[in-house]
Amino acid sequence: MLRRESARCDELYVLGDLTEVWIGDDDDCAFAELIRDELKRAGAQCRVHLMHGNRDFLIGPDFARTCGIDLIDDPWVIERNAKRILLCHGDTLCTDDLAYQQMRAVVRAPSWHDETLAKSLAERRTLAVFMRMQSRASNANKPAKIMDVAEAAVTQAMLLHGADVMIHGHTHRPGIHQIAITDRYHRRYVLGDWEHCGWLLRFDGEFNMLRFPLEGRCET
């Protein structure tokens, strides 16, 4: 996808969770090197913007400089065709999941980052496995509804940023939603995860959500 889209577009936005986990910009495993190489290749073709997700929030400025890409804040507003488009990862909108929001506040704190990155690569790899196991176990016992975005949080974010369109991922519930706010209809695009299929929202004057196969693993 990076190779194909970077050759045809002006800008490419990755809205978090580019990787299943990121243990630091000094990661020297083969997969980390592959990601660096592919982002360098894409960044030489178009502008690439990367937002942190809940799995890759340790990606830092060294990684961005190495790859020639931009790290952007969450949320991020762009304007296209006189419309304000609000980009976000999506996890901050899941306000009904109080346990997750508390955990997020801890791991996003600069002190947690510093303490974690001071550990050896081996220690961080072990920690990453442990945290993913904890996350899966926690999610297995939660009602599905609280892991989705809260309607009030979506409305508040769109009003705060004066947005006409919102785009996010995180929830693994791809879809296109119409939202009525102050007597106007707004649109929310939700990108899916890449477990079985790839998802892409392409803008060519209008938005088109695309689903594509991942080496024959696409669901019908």
N, C-alpha and C. Protein backbone atom coordinates (compact mmCIF):
# COMPACT_ATOMS: atom_id res chain seq x y z
N MET A 1 0.83 -1.19 0.00
CA MET A 1 0.00 0.00 0.00
C MET A 1 0.87 1.25 0.00
N LEU A 2 1.91 1.29 0.84
CA LEU A 2 2.81 2.44 0.87
C LEU A 2 3.43 2.69 -0.50
N ARG A 3 3.87 1.64 -1.14
CA ARG A 3 4.51 1.80 -2.45
C ARG A 3 3.53 2.30 -3.50
N ARG A 4 2.35 1.72 -3.51
CA ARG A 4 1.37 2.08 -4.54
C ARG A 4 0.82 3.49 -4.32
N GLU A 5 0.40 3.78 -3.10
CA GLU A 5 -0.26 5.06 -2.86
C GLU A 5 0.71 6.22 -2.88
N SER A 6 1.94 6.03 -2.40
CA SER A 6 2.90 7.14 -2.39
C SER A 6 3.26 7.57 -3.80
N ALA A 7 3.10 6.67 -4.77
CA ALA A 7 3.41 6.99 -6.16
C ALA A 7 2.28 7.77 -6.84
N ARG A 8 1.10 7.81 -6.21
CA ARG A 8 -0.05 8.44 -6.87
C ARG A 8 -0.64 9.61 -6.08
N CYS A 9 -0.17 9.85 -4.87
CA CYS A 9 -0.80 10.89 -4.06
C CYS A 9 0.20 11.97 -3.67
N ASP A 10 -0.32 13.09 -3.17
CA ASP A 10 0.52 14.18 -2.69
C ASP A 10 0.85 14.01 -1.21
N GLU A 11 -0.11 13.49 -0.46
CA GLU A 11 0.06 13.32 0.98
C GLU A 11 -0.55 12.00 1.41
N LEU A 12 0.08 11.40 2.42
CA LEU A 12 -0.41 10.14 2.97
C LEU A 12 -0.44 10.28 4.49
N TYR A 13 -1.59 9.99 5.08
CA TYR A 13 -1.76 10.09 6.53
C TYR A 13 -1.96 8.70 7.12
N VAL A 14 -1.13 8.36 8.10
CA VAL A 14 -1.27 7.10 8.84
C VAL A 14 -1.78 7.48 10.24
N LEU A 15 -2.98 7.01 10.58
CA LEU A 15 -3.65 7.47 11.80
C LEU A 15 -3.41 6.53 12.97
N GLY A 16 -2.18 6.13 13.16
CA GLY A 16 -1.82 5.35 14.34
C GLY A 16 -1.85 3.86 14.14
N ASP A 17 -1.15 3.16 15.03
CA ASP A 17 -1.04 1.70 14.98
C ASP A 17 -0.49 1.22 13.64
N LEU A 18 0.55 1.90 13.18
CA LEU A 18 1.27 1.43 12.00
C LEU A 18 1.85 0.05 12.30
N THR A 19 2.28 -0.16 13.53
CA THR A 19 2.83 -1.44 13.96
C THR A 19 2.01 -1.99 15.12
N GLU A 20 2.11 -3.29 15.33
CA GLU A 20 1.42 -3.93 16.45
C GLU A 20 1.98 -3.45 17.78
N VAL A 21 3.27 -3.17 17.78
CA VAL A 21 3.93 -2.61 18.97
C VAL A 21 5.20 -1.92 18.50
N TRP A 22 5.65 -0.91 19.25
CA TRP A 22 6.91 -0.24 18.95
C TRP A 22 7.64 -0.05 20.26
N ILE A 23 8.84 -0.60 20.37
CA ILE A 23 9.55 -0.59 21.65
C ILE A 23 10.59 0.51 21.74
N GLY A 24 10.70 1.34 20.70
CA GLY A 24 11.65 2.44 20.71
C GLY A 24 12.33 2.60 19.37
N ASP A 25 12.82 3.79 19.11
CA ASP A 25 13.43 4.08 17.82
C ASP A 25 14.76 3.36 17.62
N ASP A 26 15.30 2.77 18.68
CA ASP A 26 16.55 2.03 18.57
C ASP A 26 16.33 0.55 18.29
N ASP A 27 15.09 0.15 18.05
CA ASP A 27 14.80 -1.26 17.77
C ASP A 27 15.57 -1.68 16.51
N ASP A 28 16.32 -2.77 16.63
CA ASP A 28 17.17 -3.21 15.52
C ASP A 28 16.69 -4.52 14.89
N CYS A 29 15.45 -4.90 15.16
CA CYS A 29 14.95 -6.15 14.57
C CYS A 29 14.69 -5.95 13.08
N ALA A 30 14.56 -7.05 12.35
CA ALA A 30 14.40 -6.99 10.90
C ALA A 30 13.12 -6.27 10.51
N PHE A 31 12.05 -6.46 11.28
CA PHE A 31 10.79 -5.82 10.94
C PHE A 31 10.90 -4.30 11.08
N ALA A 32 11.56 -3.83 12.15
CA ALA A 32 11.73 -2.38 12.33
C ALA A 32 12.52 -1.79 11.17
N GLU A 33 13.55 -2.50 10.72
CA GLU A 33 14.34 -2.03 9.58
C GLU A 33 13.49 -1.98 8.31
N LEU A 34 12.63 -2.96 8.13
CA LEU A 34 11.75 -2.98 6.96
C LEU A 34 10.81 -1.77 6.97
N ILE A 35 10.24 -1.47 8.15
CA ILE A 35 9.34 -0.32 8.26
C ILE A 35 10.08 0.97 7.92
N ARG A 36 11.29 1.11 8.43
CA ARG A 36 12.09 2.31 8.13
C ARG A 36 12.33 2.43 6.63
N ASP A 37 12.73 1.34 6.01
CA ASP A 37 13.04 1.38 4.58
C ASP A 37 11.81 1.75 3.75
N GLU A 38 10.67 1.17 4.10
CA GLU A 38 9.46 1.43 3.32
C GLU A 38 8.96 2.85 3.51
N LEU A 39 9.07 3.37 4.72
CA LEU A 39 8.65 4.75 4.95
C LEU A 39 9.59 5.74 4.25
N LYS A 40 10.88 5.43 4.25
CA LYS A 40 11.83 6.27 3.50
C LYS A 40 11.45 6.31 2.03
N ARG A 41 11.15 5.15 1.49
CA ARG A 41 10.76 5.05 0.08
C ARG A 41 9.50 5.87 -0.19
N ALA A 42 8.51 5.72 0.68
CA ALA A 42 7.25 6.45 0.50
C ALA A 42 7.47 7.96 0.68
N GLY A 43 8.28 8.33 1.68
CA GLY A 43 8.52 9.74 1.96
C GLY A 43 9.28 10.45 0.85
N ALA A 44 9.99 9.69 0.03
CA ALA A 44 10.68 10.28 -1.12
C ALA A 44 9.72 10.57 -2.26
N GLN A 45 8.52 9.98 -2.20
CA GLN A 45 7.53 10.14 -3.28
C GLN A 45 6.46 11.17 -2.94
N CYS A 46 6.07 11.22 -1.65
CA CYS A 46 5.02 12.15 -1.23
C CYS A 46 5.26 12.51 0.23
N ARG A 47 4.49 13.44 0.75
CA ARG A 47 4.60 13.78 2.17
C ARG A 47 3.86 12.72 2.97
N VAL A 48 4.53 12.16 3.96
CA VAL A 48 3.94 11.14 4.81
C VAL A 48 3.81 11.70 6.23
N HIS A 49 2.59 11.62 6.77
CA HIS A 49 2.29 12.13 8.11
C HIS A 49 1.89 10.95 8.98
N LEU A 50 2.50 10.85 10.14
CA LEU A 50 2.24 9.72 11.04
C LEU A 50 1.73 10.22 12.38
N MET A 51 0.61 9.66 12.80
CA MET A 51 0.01 9.95 14.10
C MET A 51 0.19 8.74 15.00
N HIS A 52 0.42 8.98 16.28
CA HIS A 52 0.54 7.87 17.22
C HIS A 52 -0.80 7.17 17.44
N GLY A 53 -0.73 5.85 17.59
CA GLY A 53 -1.88 5.08 18.04
C GLY A 53 -1.62 4.55 19.43
N ASN A 54 -2.44 3.63 19.87
CA ASN A 54 -2.26 3.08 21.21
C ASN A 54 -1.24 1.95 21.25
N ARG A 55 -0.70 1.56 20.09
CA ARG A 55 0.30 0.49 20.06
C ARG A 55 1.68 0.96 19.64
N ASP A 56 1.76 2.13 19.03
CA ASP A 56 3.05 2.60 18.52
C ASP A 56 3.41 3.99 19.03
N PHE A 57 2.93 4.32 20.25
CA PHE A 57 3.11 5.68 20.74
C PHE A 57 4.55 5.98 21.17
N LEU A 58 5.43 4.97 21.16
CA LEU A 58 6.84 5.23 21.47
C LEU A 58 7.65 5.61 20.23
N ILE A 59 6.99 5.66 19.07
CA ILE A 59 7.68 6.20 17.89
C ILE A 59 8.05 7.65 18.18
N GLY A 60 9.30 7.99 17.97
CA GLY A 60 9.77 9.32 18.35
C GLY A 60 10.34 10.12 17.21
N PRO A 61 10.83 11.30 17.50
CA PRO A 61 11.35 12.19 16.45
C PRO A 61 12.55 11.63 15.72
N ASP A 62 13.37 10.80 16.39
CA ASP A 62 14.52 10.21 15.70
C ASP A 62 14.05 9.32 14.55
N PHE A 63 13.02 8.53 14.81
CA PHE A 63 12.46 7.66 13.78
C PHE A 63 11.92 8.50 12.62
N ALA A 64 11.19 9.57 12.95
CA ALA A 64 10.61 10.42 11.91
C ALA A 64 11.70 11.05 11.04
N ARG A 65 12.77 11.55 11.68
CA ARG A 65 13.86 12.16 10.91
C ARG A 65 14.54 11.14 10.02
N THR A 66 14.77 9.96 10.56
CA THR A 66 15.41 8.91 9.78
C THR A 66 14.60 8.55 8.55
N CYS A 67 13.29 8.52 8.70
CA CYS A 67 12.41 8.12 7.61
C CYS A 67 12.01 9.28 6.70
N GLY A 68 12.26 10.52 7.13
CA GLY A 68 11.86 11.66 6.33
C GLY A 68 10.36 11.88 6.32
N ILE A 69 9.71 11.62 7.47
CA ILE A 69 8.26 11.80 7.57
C ILE A 69 7.95 12.78 8.70
N ASP A 70 6.68 13.18 8.79
CA ASP A 70 6.24 14.12 9.82
C ASP A 70 5.44 13.38 10.89
N LEU A 71 5.73 13.66 12.16
CA LEU A 71 4.87 13.22 13.25
C LEU A 71 3.83 14.31 13.49
N ILE A 72 2.56 13.93 13.55
CA ILE A 72 1.50 14.91 13.76
C ILE A 72 0.76 14.60 15.06
N ASP A 73 0.17 15.63 15.63
CA ASP A 73 -0.56 15.49 16.89
C ASP A 73 -1.90 14.79 16.66
N ASP A 74 -2.44 14.30 17.74
CA ASP A 74 -3.79 13.73 17.77
C ASP A 74 -4.62 14.59 18.72
N PRO A 75 -5.63 15.32 18.22
CA PRO A 75 -6.17 15.33 16.85
C PRO A 75 -5.40 16.29 15.94
N TRP A 76 -5.74 16.22 14.63
CA TRP A 76 -5.09 17.04 13.60
C TRP A 76 -6.16 17.47 12.61
N VAL A 77 -6.17 18.74 12.27
CA VAL A 77 -7.19 19.28 11.35
C VAL A 77 -6.53 19.68 10.04
N ILE A 78 -7.13 19.24 8.93
CA ILE A 78 -6.72 19.69 7.60
C ILE A 78 -7.95 20.24 6.90
N GLU A 79 -7.75 21.00 5.84
CA GLU A 79 -8.86 21.55 5.07
C GLU A 79 -8.74 21.12 3.62
N ARG A 80 -9.83 20.62 3.08
CA ARG A 80 -9.90 20.20 1.68
C ARG A 80 -11.27 20.62 1.14
N ASN A 81 -11.27 21.27 -0.02
CA ASN A 81 -12.53 21.70 -0.66
C ASN A 81 -13.42 22.47 0.31
N ALA A 82 -12.81 23.39 1.05
CA ALA A 82 -13.52 24.27 1.99
C ALA A 82 -14.18 23.50 3.12
N LYS A 83 -13.74 22.30 3.39
CA LYS A 83 -14.25 21.52 4.52
C LYS A 83 -13.13 21.24 5.50
N ARG A 84 -13.48 21.31 6.79
CA ARG A 84 -12.52 21.01 7.85
C ARG A 84 -12.62 19.53 8.19
N ILE A 85 -11.49 18.85 8.12
CA ILE A 85 -11.44 17.41 8.32
C ILE A 85 -10.64 17.12 9.57
N LEU A 86 -11.26 16.48 10.53
CA LEU A 86 -10.63 16.16 11.81
C LEU A 86 -10.09 14.74 11.77
N LEU A 87 -8.77 14.61 11.88
CA LEU A 87 -8.11 13.32 11.89
C LEU A 87 -7.74 12.96 13.33
N CYS A 88 -8.00 11.72 13.73
CA CYS A 88 -7.60 11.26 15.06
C CYS A 88 -7.44 9.75 15.05
N HIS A 89 -6.71 9.24 16.03
CA HIS A 89 -6.59 7.79 16.10
C HIS A 89 -7.91 7.17 16.49
N GLY A 90 -8.59 7.76 17.46
CA GLY A 90 -9.92 7.29 17.85
C GLY A 90 -10.03 6.83 19.28
N ASP A 91 -8.91 6.51 19.93
CA ASP A 91 -9.02 5.97 21.29
C ASP A 91 -9.48 7.00 22.30
N THR A 92 -9.18 8.29 22.07
CA THR A 92 -9.63 9.31 23.02
C THR A 92 -11.14 9.50 22.99
N LEU A 93 -11.79 8.98 21.94
CA LEU A 93 -13.24 9.09 21.82
C LEU A 93 -13.98 7.98 22.56
N CYS A 94 -13.24 6.97 23.02
CA CYS A 94 -13.86 5.84 23.73
C CYS A 94 -13.94 6.16 25.21
N THR A 95 -14.68 7.21 25.53
CA THR A 95 -14.70 7.74 26.90
C THR A 95 -15.49 6.88 27.87
N ASP A 96 -16.30 5.95 27.39
CA ASP A 96 -17.03 5.05 28.29
C ASP A 96 -16.12 3.97 28.87
N ASP A 97 -14.98 3.75 28.24
CA ASP A 97 -14.03 2.75 28.71
C ASP A 97 -13.08 3.43 29.69
N LEU A 98 -13.52 3.57 30.93
CA LEU A 98 -12.76 4.32 31.92
C LEU A 98 -11.43 3.66 32.25
N ALA A 99 -11.41 2.33 32.30
CA ALA A 99 -10.16 1.62 32.61
C ALA A 99 -9.11 1.90 31.54
N TYR A 100 -9.54 1.90 30.28
CA TYR A 100 -8.59 2.17 29.20
C TYR A 100 -8.07 3.61 29.29
N GLN A 101 -8.95 4.57 29.53
CA GLN A 101 -8.53 5.96 29.60
C GLN A 101 -7.55 6.19 30.74
N GLN A 102 -7.74 5.50 31.85
CA GLN A 102 -6.80 5.62 32.97
C GLN A 102 -5.44 5.05 32.58
N MET A 103 -5.46 3.89 31.93
CA MET A 103 -4.20 3.27 31.49
C MET A 103 -3.50 4.16 30.46
N ARG A 104 -4.28 4.74 29.56
CA ARG A 104 -3.71 5.59 28.53
C ARG A 104 -2.99 6.79 29.15
N ALA A 105 -3.59 7.38 30.17
CA ALA A 105 -2.97 8.53 30.82
C ALA A 105 -1.62 8.16 31.43
N VAL A 106 -1.50 6.94 31.93
CA VAL A 106 -0.25 6.49 32.54
C VAL A 106 0.84 6.31 31.48
N VAL A 107 0.53 5.54 30.42
CA VAL A 107 1.57 5.20 29.45
C VAL A 107 1.92 6.35 28.51
N ARG A 108 1.07 7.36 28.43
CA ARG A 108 1.40 8.51 27.59
C ARG A 108 2.15 9.60 28.36
N ALA A 109 2.35 9.41 29.66
CA ALA A 109 3.07 10.41 30.44
C ALA A 109 4.55 10.39 30.08
N PRO A 110 5.19 11.56 29.98
CA PRO A 110 6.63 11.61 29.65
C PRO A 110 7.48 10.79 30.61
N SER A 111 7.11 10.74 31.89
CA SER A 111 7.89 9.98 32.86
C SER A 111 7.87 8.49 32.54
N TRP A 112 6.72 7.98 32.08
CA TRP A 112 6.62 6.57 31.71
C TRP A 112 7.48 6.30 30.48
N HIS A 113 7.44 7.20 29.52
CA HIS A 113 8.26 7.07 28.31
C HIS A 113 9.74 6.99 28.69
N ASP A 114 10.19 7.93 29.52
CA ASP A 114 11.61 7.98 29.88
C ASP A 114 12.03 6.71 30.61
N GLU A 115 11.20 6.28 31.55
CA GLU A 115 11.52 5.07 32.32
C GLU A 115 11.57 3.84 31.43
N THR A 116 10.63 3.75 30.50
CA THR A 116 10.56 2.58 29.62
C THR A 116 11.73 2.56 28.64
N LEU A 117 12.02 3.69 28.02
CA LEU A 117 13.09 3.74 27.02
C LEU A 117 14.47 3.59 27.64
N ALA A 118 14.57 3.75 28.96
CA ALA A 118 15.84 3.54 29.64
C ALA A 118 16.15 2.05 29.82
N LYS A 119 15.15 1.21 29.63
CA LYS A 119 15.35 -0.23 29.74
C LYS A 119 16.08 -0.76 28.50
N SER A 120 16.63 -1.95 28.61
CA SER A 120 17.29 -2.57 27.47
C SER A 120 16.25 -3.01 26.45
N LEU A 121 16.69 -3.26 25.21
CA LEU A 121 15.77 -3.74 24.17
C LEU A 121 15.11 -5.04 24.59
N ALA A 122 15.87 -5.94 25.21
CA ALA A 122 15.31 -7.22 25.65
C ALA A 122 14.22 -7.01 26.69
N GLU A 123 14.46 -6.12 27.62
CA GLU A 123 13.45 -5.83 28.65
C GLU A 123 12.19 -5.23 28.03
N ARG A 124 12.39 -4.34 27.05
CA ARG A 124 11.23 -3.71 26.41
C ARG A 124 10.44 -4.71 25.58
N ARG A 125 11.11 -5.66 24.94
CA ARG A 125 10.39 -6.68 24.19
C ARG A 125 9.53 -7.54 25.12
N THR A 126 10.08 -7.88 26.26
CA THR A 126 9.32 -8.65 27.25
C THR A 126 8.14 -7.84 27.76
N LEU A 127 8.37 -6.57 28.04
CA LEU A 127 7.29 -5.70 28.51
C LEU A 127 6.19 -5.58 27.47
N ALA A 128 6.56 -5.47 26.20
CA ALA A 128 5.57 -5.32 25.13
C ALA A 128 4.68 -6.55 25.05
N VAL A 129 5.27 -7.74 25.15
CA VAL A 129 4.49 -8.98 25.12
C VAL A 129 3.52 -9.02 26.30
N PHE A 130 4.01 -8.64 27.48
CA PHE A 130 3.17 -8.64 28.68
C PHE A 130 2.00 -7.67 28.53
N MET A 131 2.27 -6.47 28.01
CA MET A 131 1.21 -5.46 27.87
C MET A 131 0.16 -5.88 26.86
N ARG A 132 0.57 -6.54 25.77
CA ARG A 132 -0.40 -7.02 24.78
C ARG A 132 -1.27 -8.12 25.38
N MET A 133 -0.67 -9.00 26.18
CA MET A 133 -1.45 -10.04 26.85
C MET A 133 -2.45 -9.43 27.81
N GLN A 134 -2.03 -8.43 28.55
CA GLN A 134 -2.93 -7.75 29.48
C GLN A 134 -4.08 -7.09 28.73
N SER A 135 -3.76 -6.45 27.61
CA SER A 135 -4.78 -5.76 26.83
C SER A 135 -5.83 -6.73 26.30
N ARG A 136 -5.37 -7.86 25.76
CA ARG A 136 -6.31 -8.85 25.23
C ARG A 136 -7.20 -9.41 26.34
N ALA A 137 -6.61 -9.70 27.48
CA ALA A 137 -7.38 -10.24 28.60
C ALA A 137 -8.41 -9.23 29.10
N SER A 138 -8.00 -7.96 29.16
CA SER A 138 -8.92 -6.92 29.63
C SER A 138 -10.08 -6.72 28.66
N ASN A 139 -9.77 -6.68 27.37
CA ASN A 139 -10.81 -6.46 26.37
C ASN A 139 -11.79 -7.62 26.28
N ALA A 140 -11.32 -8.83 26.56
CA ALA A 140 -12.19 -10.00 26.48
C ALA A 140 -13.32 -9.95 27.50
N ASN A 141 -13.11 -9.19 28.59
CA ASN A 141 -14.11 -9.13 29.65
C ASN A 141 -14.94 -7.84 29.63
N LYS A 142 -14.74 -7.02 28.60
CA LYS A 142 -15.47 -5.75 28.53
C LYS A 142 -16.68 -5.87 27.61
N PRO A 143 -17.79 -5.21 27.94
CA PRO A 143 -18.91 -5.13 27.00
C PRO A 143 -18.45 -4.44 25.72
N ALA A 144 -18.89 -4.94 24.59
CA ALA A 144 -18.45 -4.41 23.30
C ALA A 144 -18.75 -2.92 23.17
N LYS A 145 -19.86 -2.47 23.74
CA LYS A 145 -20.29 -1.09 23.54
C LYS A 145 -19.31 -0.08 24.12
N ILE A 146 -18.72 -0.39 25.28
CA ILE A 146 -17.85 0.62 25.89
C ILE A 146 -16.53 0.75 25.14
N MET A 147 -16.21 -0.23 24.27
CA MET A 147 -14.96 -0.13 23.51
C MET A 147 -15.15 0.61 22.19
N ASP A 148 -16.38 1.07 21.93
CA ASP A 148 -16.65 1.89 20.75
C ASP A 148 -16.58 3.36 21.15
N VAL A 149 -16.56 4.24 20.18
CA VAL A 149 -16.55 5.67 20.48
C VAL A 149 -17.88 6.07 21.11
N ALA A 150 -17.82 7.06 21.98
CA ALA A 150 -19.02 7.60 22.60
C ALA A 150 -19.57 8.72 21.73
N GLU A 151 -20.86 8.68 21.48
CA GLU A 151 -21.48 9.67 20.60
C GLU A 151 -21.24 11.09 21.10
N ALA A 152 -21.32 11.29 22.42
CA ALA A 152 -21.12 12.62 22.98
C ALA A 152 -19.69 13.10 22.75
N ALA A 153 -18.72 12.18 22.84
CA ALA A 153 -17.32 12.55 22.62
C ALA A 153 -17.08 12.95 21.17
N VAL A 154 -17.71 12.24 20.24
CA VAL A 154 -17.59 12.58 18.82
C VAL A 154 -18.17 13.96 18.55
N THR A 155 -19.36 14.21 19.06
CA THR A 155 -20.01 15.51 18.86
C THR A 155 -19.17 16.63 19.45
N GLN A 156 -18.66 16.42 20.66
CA GLN A 156 -17.86 17.45 21.33
C GLN A 156 -16.60 17.76 20.52
N ALA A 157 -15.92 16.73 20.02
CA ALA A 157 -14.69 16.94 19.25
C ALA A 157 -14.97 17.68 17.96
N MET A 158 -16.04 17.33 17.28
CA MET A 158 -16.35 17.99 16.01
C MET A 158 -16.74 19.44 16.23
N LEU A 159 -17.47 19.71 17.29
CA LEU A 159 -17.82 21.10 17.60
C LEU A 159 -16.59 21.90 18.01
N LEU A 160 -15.73 21.31 18.83
CA LEU A 160 -14.54 22.00 19.30
C LEU A 160 -13.64 22.43 18.15
N HIS A 161 -13.52 21.58 17.14
CA HIS A 161 -12.61 21.85 16.02
C HIS A 161 -13.34 22.38 14.79
N GLY A 162 -14.64 22.60 14.90
CA GLY A 162 -15.40 23.11 13.76
C GLY A 162 -15.32 22.20 12.56
N ALA A 163 -15.35 20.89 12.80
CA ALA A 163 -15.11 19.92 11.74
C ALA A 163 -16.38 19.57 10.98
N ASP A 164 -16.22 19.38 9.69
CA ASP A 164 -17.30 18.87 8.84
C ASP A 164 -17.21 17.36 8.70
N VAL A 165 -15.99 16.84 8.79
CA VAL A 165 -15.72 15.41 8.60
C VAL A 165 -14.76 14.95 9.69
N MET A 166 -14.99 13.73 10.19
CA MET A 166 -14.05 13.10 11.13
C MET A 166 -13.58 11.78 10.52
N ILE A 167 -12.29 11.50 10.68
CA ILE A 167 -11.72 10.22 10.21
C ILE A 167 -10.91 9.63 11.35
N HIS A 168 -11.16 8.37 11.67
CA HIS A 168 -10.39 7.71 12.73
C HIS A 168 -10.39 6.21 12.51
N GLY A 169 -9.62 5.53 13.34
CA GLY A 169 -9.58 4.07 13.33
C GLY A 169 -9.81 3.56 14.73
N HIS A 170 -8.94 2.71 15.22
CA HIS A 170 -8.86 2.19 16.58
C HIS A 170 -9.93 1.17 16.94
N THR A 171 -11.18 1.42 16.63
CA THR A 171 -12.26 0.57 17.15
C THR A 171 -12.41 -0.75 16.40
N HIS A 172 -11.78 -0.85 15.22
CA HIS A 172 -11.90 -2.05 14.38
C HIS A 172 -13.34 -2.26 13.92
N ARG A 173 -14.08 -1.17 13.76
CA ARG A 173 -15.47 -1.22 13.31
C ARG A 173 -15.64 -0.31 12.10
N PRO A 174 -15.13 -0.72 10.95
CA PRO A 174 -15.14 0.16 9.77
C PRO A 174 -16.56 0.52 9.36
N GLY A 175 -16.71 1.76 8.91
CA GLY A 175 -18.02 2.19 8.45
C GLY A 175 -18.04 3.67 8.14
N ILE A 176 -19.16 4.13 7.61
CA ILE A 176 -19.39 5.54 7.29
C ILE A 176 -20.67 5.96 8.00
N HIS A 177 -20.57 7.00 8.83
CA HIS A 177 -21.69 7.39 9.67
C HIS A 177 -22.09 8.84 9.38
N GLN A 178 -23.37 9.09 9.35
CA GLN A 178 -23.90 10.45 9.26
C GLN A 178 -24.24 10.92 10.67
N ILE A 179 -23.82 12.14 11.00
CA ILE A 179 -24.04 12.69 12.33
C ILE A 179 -24.74 14.03 12.19
N ALA A 180 -25.85 14.20 12.89
CA ALA A 180 -26.58 15.47 12.88
C ALA A 180 -26.10 16.31 14.06
N ILE A 181 -25.49 17.46 13.75
CA ILE A 181 -25.01 18.38 14.78
C ILE A 181 -25.46 19.78 14.40
N THR A 182 -26.17 20.41 15.32
CA THR A 182 -26.68 21.78 15.12
C THR A 182 -27.34 21.93 13.74
N ASP A 183 -28.28 21.03 13.47
CA ASP A 183 -29.09 21.09 12.25
C ASP A 183 -28.30 20.89 10.96
N ARG A 184 -27.10 20.34 11.07
CA ARG A 184 -26.31 20.02 9.89
C ARG A 184 -25.83 18.59 9.97
N TYR A 185 -25.69 17.96 8.82
CA TYR A 185 -25.18 16.59 8.79
C TYR A 185 -23.68 16.61 8.56
N HIS A 186 -22.98 15.86 9.40
CA HIS A 186 -21.55 15.69 9.29
C HIS A 186 -21.28 14.21 9.02
N ARG A 187 -20.07 13.91 8.60
CA ARG A 187 -19.77 12.52 8.26
C ARG A 187 -18.55 12.03 9.06
N ARG A 188 -18.65 10.79 9.52
CA ARG A 188 -17.56 10.15 10.26
C ARG A 188 -17.16 8.87 9.55
N TYR A 189 -15.88 8.80 9.16
CA TYR A 189 -15.34 7.61 8.50
C TYR A 189 -14.51 6.84 9.52
N VAL A 190 -14.75 5.54 9.61
CA VAL A 190 -14.01 4.68 10.53
C VAL A 190 -13.25 3.64 9.71
N LEU A 191 -11.93 3.65 9.83
CA LEU A 191 -11.09 2.69 9.13
C LEU A 191 -10.99 1.39 9.92
N GLY A 192 -10.92 0.27 9.22
CA GLY A 192 -10.81 -1.02 9.89
C GLY A 192 -9.38 -1.39 10.20
N ASP A 193 -9.22 -2.43 11.01
CA ASP A 193 -7.89 -2.94 11.28
C ASP A 193 -7.43 -3.80 10.10
N TRP A 194 -6.18 -4.20 10.13
CA TRP A 194 -5.59 -4.93 8.99
C TRP A 194 -5.35 -6.40 9.31
N GLU A 195 -6.23 -7.00 10.08
CA GLU A 195 -6.06 -8.41 10.41
C GLU A 195 -6.35 -9.30 9.21
N HIS A 196 -7.45 -9.03 8.52
CA HIS A 196 -7.86 -9.84 7.37
C HIS A 196 -7.76 -9.08 6.06
N CYS A 197 -8.03 -7.77 6.10
CA CYS A 197 -8.01 -6.93 4.90
C CYS A 197 -7.32 -5.61 5.23
N GLY A 198 -6.84 -4.96 4.18
CA GLY A 198 -6.33 -3.61 4.34
C GLY A 198 -7.44 -2.61 4.09
N TRP A 199 -7.35 -1.45 4.75
CA TRP A 199 -8.35 -0.39 4.59
C TRP A 199 -7.66 0.92 4.24
N LEU A 200 -8.28 1.67 3.35
CA LEU A 200 -7.71 2.92 2.89
C LEU A 200 -8.84 3.89 2.58
N LEU A 201 -8.70 5.12 3.03
CA LEU A 201 -9.64 6.17 2.66
C LEU A 201 -8.92 7.10 1.70
N ARG A 202 -9.36 7.11 0.47
CA ARG A 202 -8.69 7.87 -0.58
C ARG A 202 -9.51 9.12 -0.90
N PHE A 203 -8.83 10.26 -1.04
CA PHE A 203 -9.51 11.51 -1.37
C PHE A 203 -9.07 11.98 -2.75
N ASP A 204 -10.01 11.96 -3.69
CA ASP A 204 -9.80 12.49 -5.04
C ASP A 204 -10.92 13.48 -5.35
N GLY A 205 -11.00 14.52 -4.51
CA GLY A 205 -12.12 15.45 -4.64
C GLY A 205 -13.30 15.03 -3.80
N GLU A 206 -13.44 13.73 -3.56
CA GLU A 206 -14.41 13.17 -2.63
C GLU A 206 -13.78 11.93 -2.00
N PHE A 207 -14.36 11.49 -0.88
CA PHE A 207 -13.79 10.36 -0.16
C PHE A 207 -14.32 9.04 -0.70
N ASN A 208 -13.42 8.08 -0.83
CA ASN A 208 -13.79 6.71 -1.19
C ASN A 208 -13.07 5.76 -0.24
N MET A 209 -13.86 4.94 0.47
CA MET A 209 -13.27 3.97 1.37
C MET A 209 -13.05 2.66 0.63
N LEU A 210 -11.82 2.17 0.68
CA LEU A 210 -11.45 0.98 -0.07
C LEU A 210 -11.00 -0.13 0.88
N ARG A 211 -11.38 -1.35 0.55
CA ARG A 211 -10.90 -2.53 1.25
C ARG A 211 -10.16 -3.40 0.25
N PHE A 212 -8.99 -3.89 0.63
CA PHE A 212 -8.19 -4.65 -0.33
C PHE A 212 -7.57 -5.86 0.35
N PRO A 213 -7.24 -6.89 -0.42
CA PRO A 213 -6.73 -8.13 0.17
C PRO A 213 -5.30 -8.01 0.66
N LEU A 214 -5.00 -8.77 1.69
CA LEU A 214 -3.64 -8.88 2.21
C LEU A 214 -3.14 -10.30 1.90
N GLU A 215 -2.56 -10.45 0.72
CA GLU A 215 -1.99 -11.72 0.28
C GLU A 215 -2.98 -12.87 0.42
N GLY A 216 -4.17 -12.64 -0.10
CA GLY A 216 -5.16 -13.71 -0.14
C GLY A 216 -5.95 -13.90 1.14
N ARG A 217 -5.73 -13.03 2.15
CA ARG A 217 -6.41 -13.22 3.43
C ARG A 217 -7.70 -12.40 3.54
N CYS A 218 -8.10 -11.74 2.47
CA CYS A 218 -9.27 -10.86 2.54
C CYS A 218 -10.55 -11.67 2.73
N GLU A 219 -11.38 -11.21 3.66
CA GLU A 219 -12.67 -11.84 3.87
C GLU A 219 -13.61 -11.44 2.74
N THR A 220 -14.51 -12.35 2.37
CA THR A 220 -15.49 -12.04 1.32
C THR A 220 -16.74 -11.48 1.96
